[in-house]
PDB file of N, CA and C in Angstrom:
ATOM      1  N   UNK A   1     -40.718  -8.772  -2.476  1.00  0.00           N
ATOM      2  CA  UNK A   1     -39.865  -7.750  -2.996  1.00  0.00           C
ATOM      3  C   UNK A   1     -38.433  -8.243  -3.118  1.00  0.00           C
ATOM      4  N   UNK A   2     -37.929  -8.929  -2.091  1.00  0.00           N
ATOM      5  CA  UNK A   2     -36.559  -9.432  -2.145  1.00  0.00           C
ATOM      6  C   UNK A   2     -36.394 -10.498  -3.216  1.00  0.00           C
ATOM      7  N   UNK A   3     -37.401 -11.320  -3.427  1.00  0.00           N
ATOM      8  CA  UNK A   3     -37.323 -12.347  -4.461  1.00  0.00           C
ATOM      9  C   UNK A   3     -37.232 -11.721  -5.848  1.00  0.00           C
ATOM     10  N   UNK A   4     -37.963 -10.655  -6.069  1.00  0.00           N
ATOM     11  CA  UNK A   4     -37.913  -9.968  -7.365  1.00  0.00           C
ATOM     12  C   UNK A   4     -36.537  -9.337  -7.570  1.00  0.00           C
ATOM     13  N   UNK A   5     -35.984  -8.731  -6.524  1.00  0.00           N
ATOM     14  CA  UNK A   5     -34.657  -8.138  -6.604  1.00  0.00           C
ATOM     15  C   UNK A   5     -33.600  -9.208  -6.873  1.00  0.00           C
ATOM     16  N   UNK A   6     -33.690 -10.334  -6.168  1.00  0.00           N
ATOM     17  CA  UNK A   6     -32.731 -11.426  -6.372  1.00  0.00           C
ATOM     18  C   UNK A   6     -32.812 -11.962  -7.794  1.00  0.00           C
ATOM     19  N   UNK A   7     -34.015 -12.099  -8.325  1.00  0.00           N
ATOM     20  CA  UNK A   7     -34.183 -12.590  -9.687  1.00  0.00           C
ATOM     21  C   UNK A   7     -33.571 -11.612 -10.695  1.00  0.00           C
ATOM     22  N   UNK A   8     -33.746 -10.326 -10.477  1.00  0.00           N
ATOM     23  CA  UNK A   8     -33.186  -9.322 -11.385  1.00  0.00           C
ATOM     24  C   UNK A   8     -31.658  -9.310 -11.316  1.00  0.00           C
ATOM     25  N   UNK A   9     -31.098  -9.426 -10.117  1.00  0.00           N
ATOM     26  CA  UNK A   9     -29.646  -9.465  -9.980  1.00  0.00           C
ATOM     27  C   UNK A   9     -29.060 -10.723 -10.623  1.00  0.00           C
ATOM     28  N   UNK A  10     -29.727 -11.838 -10.460  1.00  0.00           N
ATOM     29  CA  UNK A  10     -29.275 -13.080 -11.070  1.00  0.00           C
ATOM     30  C   UNK A  10     -29.315 -12.987 -12.598  1.00  0.00           C
ATOM     31  N   UNK A  11     -30.366 -12.409 -13.129  1.00  0.00           N
ATOM     32  CA  UNK A  11     -30.463 -12.239 -14.590  1.00  0.00           C
ATOM     33  C   UNK A  11     -29.349 -11.327 -15.105  1.00  0.00           C
ATOM     34  N   UNK A  12     -29.029 -10.276 -14.354  1.00  0.00           N
ATOM     35  CA  UNK A  12     -27.935  -9.386 -14.742  1.00  0.00           C
ATOM     36  C   UNK A  12     -26.591 -10.096 -14.714  1.00  0.00           C
ATOM     37  N   UNK A  13     -26.367 -10.932 -13.694  1.00  0.00           N
ATOM     38  CA  UNK A  13     -25.122 -11.692 -13.614  1.00  0.00           C
ATOM     39  C   UNK A  13     -25.014 -12.692 -14.751  1.00  0.00           C
ATOM     40  N   UNK A  14     -26.098 -13.408 -15.031  1.00  0.00           N
ATOM     41  CA  UNK A  14     -26.079 -14.381 -16.134  1.00  0.00           C
ATOM     42  C   UNK A  14     -25.747 -13.714 -17.454  1.00  0.00           C
ATOM     43  N   UNK A  15     -26.270 -12.531 -17.673  1.00  0.00           N
ATOM     44  CA  UNK A  15     -26.019 -11.822 -18.935  1.00  0.00           C
ATOM     45  C   UNK A  15     -24.548 -11.416 -19.065  1.00  0.00           C
ATOM     46  N   UNK A  16     -23.861 -11.229 -17.956  1.00  0.00           N
ATOM     47  CA  UNK A  16     -22.454 -10.803 -17.994  1.00  0.00           C
ATOM     48  C   UNK A  16     -21.474 -11.971 -18.063  1.00  0.00           C
ATOM     49  N   UNK A  17     -21.925 -13.177 -17.733  1.00  0.00           N
ATOM     50  CA  UNK A  17     -21.042 -14.340 -17.752  1.00  0.00           C
ATOM     51  C   UNK A  17     -21.050 -14.977 -19.138  1.00  0.00           C
ATOM     52  N   UNK A  18     -19.908 -15.016 -19.817  1.00  0.00           N
ATOM     53  CA  UNK A  18     -19.878 -15.585 -21.165  1.00  0.00           C
ATOM     54  C   UNK A  18     -20.276 -17.062 -21.167  1.00  0.00           C
ATOM     55  N   UNK A  19     -21.257 -17.400 -21.984  1.00  0.00           N
ATOM     56  CA  UNK A  19     -21.722 -18.770 -22.100  1.00  0.00           C
ATOM     57  C   UNK A  19     -22.767 -19.192 -21.087  1.00  0.00           C
ATOM     58  N   UNK A  20     -23.194 -18.304 -20.222  1.00  0.00           N
ATOM     59  CA  UNK A  20     -24.141 -18.654 -19.161  1.00  0.00           C
ATOM     60  C   UNK A  20     -25.440 -17.859 -19.233  1.00  0.00           C
ATOM     61  N   UNK A  21     -25.748 -17.286 -20.366  1.00  0.00           N
ATOM     62  CA  UNK A  21     -26.943 -16.453 -20.499  1.00  0.00           C
ATOM     63  C   UNK A  21     -28.227 -17.234 -20.238  1.00  0.00           C
ATOM     64  N   UNK A  22     -28.211 -18.530 -20.487  1.00  0.00           N
ATOM     65  CA  UNK A  22     -29.426 -19.339 -20.303  1.00  0.00           C
ATOM     66  C   UNK A  22     -29.261 -20.377 -19.195  1.00  0.00           C
ATOM     67  N   UNK A  23     -28.261 -20.197 -18.340  1.00  0.00           N
ATOM     68  CA  UNK A  23     -28.023 -21.146 -17.244  1.00  0.00           C
ATOM     69  C   UNK A  23     -29.132 -21.035 -16.198  1.00  0.00           C
ATOM     70  N   UNK A  24     -29.380 -22.140 -15.532  1.00  0.00           N
ATOM     71  CA  UNK A  24     -30.405 -22.154 -14.486  1.00  0.00           C
ATOM     72  C   UNK A  24     -29.853 -21.519 -13.206  1.00  0.00           C
ATOM     73  N   UNK A  25     -30.740 -21.022 -12.345  1.00  0.00           N
ATOM     74  CA  UNK A  25     -30.275 -20.401 -11.096  1.00  0.00           C
ATOM     75  C   UNK A  25     -29.419 -21.330 -10.233  1.00  0.00           C
ATOM     76  N   UNK A  26     -29.745 -22.627 -10.193  1.00  0.00           N
ATOM     77  CA  UNK A  26     -28.946 -23.529  -9.366  1.00  0.00           C
ATOM     78  C   UNK A  26     -27.535 -23.707  -9.926  1.00  0.00           C
ATOM     79  N   UNK A  27     -27.380 -23.663 -11.241  1.00  0.00           N
ATOM     80  CA  UNK A  27     -26.048 -23.740 -11.843  1.00  0.00           C
ATOM     81  C   UNK A  27     -25.222 -22.511 -11.485  1.00  0.00           C
ATOM     82  N   UNK A  28     -25.815 -21.333 -11.587  1.00  0.00           N
ATOM     83  CA  UNK A  28     -25.115 -20.092 -11.219  1.00  0.00           C
ATOM     84  C   UNK A  28     -24.747 -20.125  -9.740  1.00  0.00           C
ATOM     85  N   UNK A  29     -25.648 -20.567  -8.897  1.00  0.00           N
ATOM     86  CA  UNK A  29     -25.384 -20.657  -7.451  1.00  0.00           C
ATOM     87  C   UNK A  29     -24.217 -21.593  -7.176  1.00  0.00           C
ATOM     88  N   UNK A  30     -24.245 -22.768  -7.759  1.00  0.00           N
ATOM     89  CA  UNK A  30     -23.237 -23.792  -7.494  1.00  0.00           C
ATOM     90  C   UNK A  30     -21.859 -23.386  -8.018  1.00  0.00           C
ATOM     91  N   UNK A  31     -21.802 -22.785  -9.202  1.00  0.00           N
ATOM     92  CA  UNK A  31     -20.514 -22.498  -9.829  1.00  0.00           C
ATOM     93  C   UNK A  31     -19.918 -21.149  -9.453  1.00  0.00           C
ATOM     94  N   UNK A  32     -20.745 -20.163  -9.127  1.00  0.00           N
ATOM     95  CA  UNK A  32     -20.218 -18.822  -8.926  1.00  0.00           C
ATOM     96  C   UNK A  32     -20.542 -18.213  -7.565  1.00  0.00           C
ATOM     97  N   UNK A  33     -21.777 -18.314  -7.122  1.00  0.00           N
ATOM     98  CA  UNK A  33     -22.173 -17.620  -5.900  1.00  0.00           C
ATOM     99  C   UNK A  33     -21.753 -18.358  -4.635  1.00  0.00           C
ATOM    100  N   UNK A  34     -21.667 -19.670  -4.708  1.00  0.00           N
ATOM    101  CA  UNK A  34     -21.299 -20.478  -3.546  1.00  0.00           C
ATOM    102  C   UNK A  34     -19.782 -20.652  -3.511  1.00  0.00           C
ATOM    103  N   UNK A  35     -19.063 -19.554  -3.543  1.00  0.00           N
ATOM    104  CA  UNK A  35     -17.608 -19.542  -3.599  1.00  0.00           C
ATOM    105  C   UNK A  35     -17.060 -18.940  -2.314  1.00  0.00           C
ATOM    106  N   UNK A  36     -16.110 -19.623  -1.662  1.00  0.00           N
ATOM    107  CA  UNK A  36     -15.532 -19.035  -0.452  1.00  0.00           C
ATOM    108  C   UNK A  36     -14.686 -17.807  -0.782  1.00  0.00           C
ATOM    109  N   UNK A  37     -14.553 -16.941   0.180  1.00  0.00           N
ATOM    110  CA  UNK A  37     -13.763 -15.738  -0.025  1.00  0.00           C
ATOM    111  C   UNK A  37     -13.728 -14.888   1.230  1.00  0.00           C
ATOM    112  N   UNK A  38     -13.317 -13.647   1.057  1.00  0.00           N
ATOM    113  CA  UNK A  38     -13.209 -12.702   2.162  1.00  0.00           C
ATOM    114  C   UNK A  38     -13.862 -11.389   1.774  1.00  0.00           C
ATOM    115  N   UNK A  39     -14.368 -10.689   2.778  1.00  0.00           N
ATOM    116  CA  UNK A  39     -14.857  -9.325   2.590  1.00  0.00           C
ATOM    117  C   UNK A  39     -13.976  -8.430   3.443  1.00  0.00           C
ATOM    118  N   UNK A  40     -13.304  -7.510   2.786  1.00  0.00           N
ATOM    119  CA  UNK A  40     -12.359  -6.621   3.457  1.00  0.00           C
ATOM    120  C   UNK A  40     -12.931  -5.211   3.404  1.00  0.00           C
ATOM    121  N   UNK A  41     -13.078  -4.593   4.572  1.00  0.00           N
ATOM    122  CA  UNK A  41     -13.658  -3.252   4.617  1.00  0.00           C
ATOM    123  C   UNK A  41     -12.632  -2.244   5.111  1.00  0.00           C
ATOM    124  N   UNK A  42     -12.656  -1.075   4.505  1.00  0.00           N
ATOM    125  CA  UNK A  42     -11.899   0.076   4.979  1.00  0.00           C
ATOM    126  C   UNK A  42     -12.896   1.221   5.096  1.00  0.00           C
ATOM    127  N   UNK A  43     -12.421   2.412   5.361  1.00  0.00           N
ATOM    128  CA  UNK A  43     -13.325   3.546   5.535  1.00  0.00           C
ATOM    129  C   UNK A  43     -14.191   3.811   4.317  1.00  0.00           C
ATOM    130  N   UNK A  44     -13.613   3.697   3.111  1.00  0.00           N
ATOM    131  CA  UNK A  44     -14.384   4.055   1.919  1.00  0.00           C
ATOM    132  C   UNK A  44     -14.423   2.962   0.861  1.00  0.00           C
ATOM    133  N   UNK A  45     -13.891   1.760   1.156  1.00  0.00           N
ATOM    134  CA  UNK A  45     -13.858   0.687   0.166  1.00  0.00           C
ATOM    135  C   UNK A  45     -14.271  -0.638   0.793  1.00  0.00           C
ATOM    136  N   UNK A  46     -15.089  -1.383   0.064  1.00  0.00           N
ATOM    137  CA  UNK A  46     -15.442  -2.754   0.424  1.00  0.00           C
ATOM    138  C   UNK A  46     -14.872  -3.626  -0.692  1.00  0.00           C
ATOM    139  N   UNK A  47     -13.996  -4.568  -0.334  1.00  0.00           N
ATOM    140  CA  UNK A  47     -13.393  -5.457  -1.321  1.00  0.00           C
ATOM    141  C   UNK A  47     -13.889  -6.868  -1.074  1.00  0.00           C
ATOM    142  N   UNK A  48     -14.420  -7.492  -2.129  1.00  0.00           N
ATOM    143  CA  UNK A  48     -14.848  -8.885  -2.070  1.00  0.00           C
ATOM    144  C   UNK A  48     -13.798  -9.686  -2.823  1.00  0.00           C
ATOM    145  N   UNK A  49     -13.048 -10.524  -2.091  1.00  0.00           N
ATOM    146  CA  UNK A  49     -11.985 -11.331  -2.690  1.00  0.00           C
ATOM    147  C   UNK A  49     -12.437 -12.785  -2.715  1.00  0.00           C
ATOM    148  N   UNK A  50     -12.618 -13.324  -3.909  1.00  0.00           N
ATOM    149  CA  UNK A  50     -13.093 -14.694  -4.077  1.00  0.00           C
ATOM    150  C   UNK A  50     -11.926 -15.643  -4.278  1.00  0.00           C
ATOM    151  N   UNK A  51     -12.035 -16.836  -3.690  1.00  0.00           N
ATOM    152  CA  UNK A  51     -11.012 -17.870  -3.845  1.00  0.00           C
ATOM    153  C   UNK A  51     -11.007 -18.391  -5.283  1.00  0.00           C
ATOM    154  N   UNK A  52      -9.895 -18.950  -5.679  1.00  0.00           N
ATOM    155  CA  UNK A  52      -9.764 -19.524  -7.026  1.00  0.00           C
ATOM    156  C   UNK A  52     -10.563 -20.826  -7.110  1.00  0.00           C
ATOM    157  N   UNK A  53     -11.299 -20.972  -8.214  1.00  0.00           N
ATOM    158  CA  UNK A  53     -12.082 -22.189  -8.474  1.00  0.00           C
ATOM    159  C   UNK A  53     -11.964 -22.539  -9.933  1.00  0.00           C
ATOM    160  N   UNK A  54     -12.527 -23.664 -10.314  1.00  0.00           N
ATOM    161  CA  UNK A  54     -12.455 -24.113 -11.708  1.00  0.00           C
ATOM    162  C   UNK A  54     -13.117 -23.124 -12.655  1.00  0.00           C
ATOM    163  N   UNK A  55     -14.115 -22.376 -12.178  1.00  0.00           N
ATOM    164  CA  UNK A  55     -14.849 -21.454 -13.039  1.00  0.00           C
ATOM    165  C   UNK A  55     -14.320 -20.024 -12.955  1.00  0.00           C
ATOM    166  N   UNK A  56     -13.175 -19.821 -12.295  1.00  0.00           N
ATOM    167  CA  UNK A  56     -12.586 -18.481 -12.201  1.00  0.00           C
ATOM    168  C   UNK A  56     -12.305 -17.842 -13.556  1.00  0.00           C
ATOM    169  N   UNK A  57     -11.852 -18.603 -14.577  1.00  0.00           N
ATOM    170  CA  UNK A  57     -11.635 -17.963 -15.887  1.00  0.00           C
ATOM    171  C   UNK A  57     -12.898 -17.336 -16.466  1.00  0.00           C
ATOM    172  N   UNK A  58     -14.047 -17.927 -16.215  1.00  0.00           N
ATOM    173  CA  UNK A  58     -15.305 -17.351 -16.697  1.00  0.00           C
ATOM    174  C   UNK A  58     -15.564 -16.034 -15.979  1.00  0.00           C
ATOM    175  N   UNK A  59     -15.315 -15.995 -14.679  1.00  0.00           N
ATOM    176  CA  UNK A  59     -15.502 -14.764 -13.928  1.00  0.00           C
ATOM    177  C   UNK A  59     -14.525 -13.679 -14.393  1.00  0.00           C
ATOM    178  N   UNK A  60     -13.299 -14.088 -14.738  1.00  0.00           N
ATOM    179  CA  UNK A  60     -12.319 -13.111 -15.225  1.00  0.00           C
ATOM    180  C   UNK A  60     -12.747 -12.507 -16.559  1.00  0.00           C
ATOM    181  N   UNK A  61     -13.445 -13.275 -17.386  1.00  0.00           N
ATOM    182  CA  UNK A  61     -13.905 -12.797 -18.690  1.00  0.00           C
ATOM    183  C   UNK A  61     -15.229 -12.043 -18.601  1.00  0.00           C
ATOM    184  N   UNK A  62     -15.885 -12.117 -17.459  1.00  0.00           N
ATOM    185  CA  UNK A  62     -17.202 -11.487 -17.312  1.00  0.00           C
ATOM    186  C   UNK A  62     -17.081  -9.968 -17.420  1.00  0.00           C
ATOM    187  N   UNK A  63     -18.147  -9.383 -17.908  1.00  0.00           N
ATOM    188  CA  UNK A  63     -18.202  -7.930 -18.067  1.00  0.00           C
ATOM    189  C   UNK A  63     -18.650  -7.287 -16.752  1.00  0.00           C
ATOM    190  N   UNK A  64     -17.792  -7.413 -15.725  1.00  0.00           N
ATOM    191  CA  UNK A  64     -18.090  -6.857 -14.408  1.00  0.00           C
ATOM    192  C   UNK A  64     -17.086  -5.732 -14.148  1.00  0.00           C
ATOM    193  N   UNK A  65     -17.554  -4.551 -13.794  1.00  0.00           N
ATOM    194  CA  UNK A  65     -16.614  -3.445 -13.546  1.00  0.00           C
ATOM    195  C   UNK A  65     -15.681  -3.761 -12.375  1.00  0.00           C
ATOM    196  N   UNK A  66     -14.440  -3.301 -12.471  1.00  0.00           N
ATOM    197  CA  UNK A  66     -13.456  -3.556 -11.419  1.00  0.00           C
ATOM    198  C   UNK A  66     -13.872  -2.914 -10.103  1.00  0.00           C
ATOM    199  N   UNK A  67     -14.488  -1.750 -10.190  1.00  0.00           N
ATOM    200  CA  UNK A  67     -14.997  -1.107  -8.981  1.00  0.00           C
ATOM    201  C   UNK A  67     -16.224  -0.280  -9.319  1.00  0.00           C
ATOM    202  N   UNK A  68     -17.104  -0.181  -8.334  1.00  0.00           N
ATOM    203  CA  UNK A  68     -18.364   0.537  -8.504  1.00  0.00           C
ATOM    204  C   UNK A  68     -18.598   1.417  -7.285  1.00  0.00           C
ATOM    205  N   UNK A  69     -18.920   2.660  -7.515  1.00  0.00           N
ATOM    206  CA  UNK A  69     -19.264   3.567  -6.421  1.00  0.00           C
ATOM    207  C   UNK A  69     -20.748   3.373  -6.103  1.00  0.00           C
ATOM    208  N   UNK A  70     -21.058   3.144  -4.819  1.00  0.00           N
ATOM    209  CA  UNK A  70     -22.423   2.861  -4.390  1.00  0.00           C
ATOM    210  C   UNK A  70     -22.937   4.055  -3.590  1.00  0.00           C
ATOM    211  N   UNK A  71     -23.775   4.923  -4.204  1.00  0.00           N
ATOM    212  CA  UNK A  71     -24.225   6.148  -3.546  1.00  0.00           C
ATOM    213  C   UNK A  71     -25.019   5.901  -2.262  1.00  0.00           C
ATOM    214  N   UNK A  72     -25.898   4.894  -2.260  1.00  0.00           N
ATOM    215  CA  UNK A  72     -26.747   4.657  -1.096  1.00  0.00           C
ATOM    216  C   UNK A  72     -26.014   3.942   0.028  1.00  0.00           C
ATOM    217  N   UNK A  73     -24.723   3.646  -0.182  1.00  0.00           N
ATOM    218  CA  UNK A  73     -23.916   2.954   0.818  1.00  0.00           C
ATOM    219  C   UNK A  73     -22.835   3.900   1.340  1.00  0.00           C
ATOM    220  N   UNK A  74     -23.195   5.166   1.464  1.00  0.00           N
ATOM    221  CA  UNK A  74     -22.262   6.175   1.931  1.00  0.00           C
ATOM    222  C   UNK A  74     -21.212   6.524   0.888  1.00  0.00           C
ATOM    223  N   UNK A  75     -21.543   6.321  -0.391  1.00  0.00           N
ATOM    224  CA  UNK A  75     -20.649   6.616  -1.513  1.00  0.00           C
ATOM    225  C   UNK A  75     -19.360   5.788  -1.462  1.00  0.00           C
ATOM    226  N   UNK A  76     -19.442   4.601  -0.862  1.00  0.00           N
ATOM    227  CA  UNK A  76     -18.285   3.700  -0.795  1.00  0.00           C
ATOM    228  C   UNK A  76     -18.037   3.055  -2.154  1.00  0.00           C
ATOM    229  N   UNK A  77     -16.836   2.535  -2.321  1.00  0.00           N
ATOM    230  CA  UNK A  77     -16.456   1.847  -3.545  1.00  0.00           C
ATOM    231  C   UNK A  77     -16.507   0.344  -3.274  1.00  0.00           C
ATOM    232  N   UNK A  78     -17.182  -0.388  -4.147  1.00  0.00           N
ATOM    233  CA  UNK A  78     -17.267  -1.858  -4.072  1.00  0.00           C
ATOM    234  C   UNK A  78     -16.340  -2.424  -5.136  1.00  0.00           C
ATOM    235  N   UNK A  79     -15.414  -3.290  -4.713  1.00  0.00           N
ATOM    236  CA  UNK A  79     -14.462  -3.900  -5.629  1.00  0.00           C
ATOM    237  C   UNK A  79     -14.528  -5.407  -5.534  1.00  0.00           C
ATOM    238  N   UNK A  80     -14.285  -6.085  -6.669  1.00  0.00           N
ATOM    239  CA  UNK A  80     -14.214  -7.547  -6.693  1.00  0.00           C
ATOM    240  C   UNK A  80     -12.810  -7.945  -7.113  1.00  0.00           C
ATOM    241  N   UNK A  81     -12.261  -8.942  -6.429  1.00  0.00           N
ATOM    242  CA  UNK A  81     -10.944  -9.484  -6.764  1.00  0.00           C
ATOM    243  C   UNK A  81     -11.040 -10.995  -6.805  1.00  0.00           C
ATOM    244  N   UNK A  82     -10.318 -11.603  -7.732  1.00  0.00           N
ATOM    245  CA  UNK A  82     -10.235 -13.055  -7.817  1.00  0.00           C
ATOM    246  C   UNK A  82      -8.833 -13.462  -7.391  1.00  0.00           C
ATOM    247  N   UNK A  83      -8.747 -14.317  -6.378  1.00  0.00           N
ATOM    248  CA  UNK A  83      -7.430 -14.743  -5.858  1.00  0.00           C
ATOM    249  C   UNK A  83      -6.741 -15.684  -6.823  1.00  0.00           C
TER     250      UNK A  83
END
């Protein structure tokens, strides 16, 4: 079940990254997912702040919402920031 979920999430991420629609999973892992950063939590917000890397411009151009409300996570807001 987790493998199917991971595959679906990876496919969704690839579709949002300009120029990476047909990239292999190891390329996505190496360039985007294996990025150092911080997770900052408050009462109602979780912020994921990623460090700057060579591929940061691609992430900035990606069609990823600035914040998302997650109902099953106590209606918290998930935000992504690029340092």
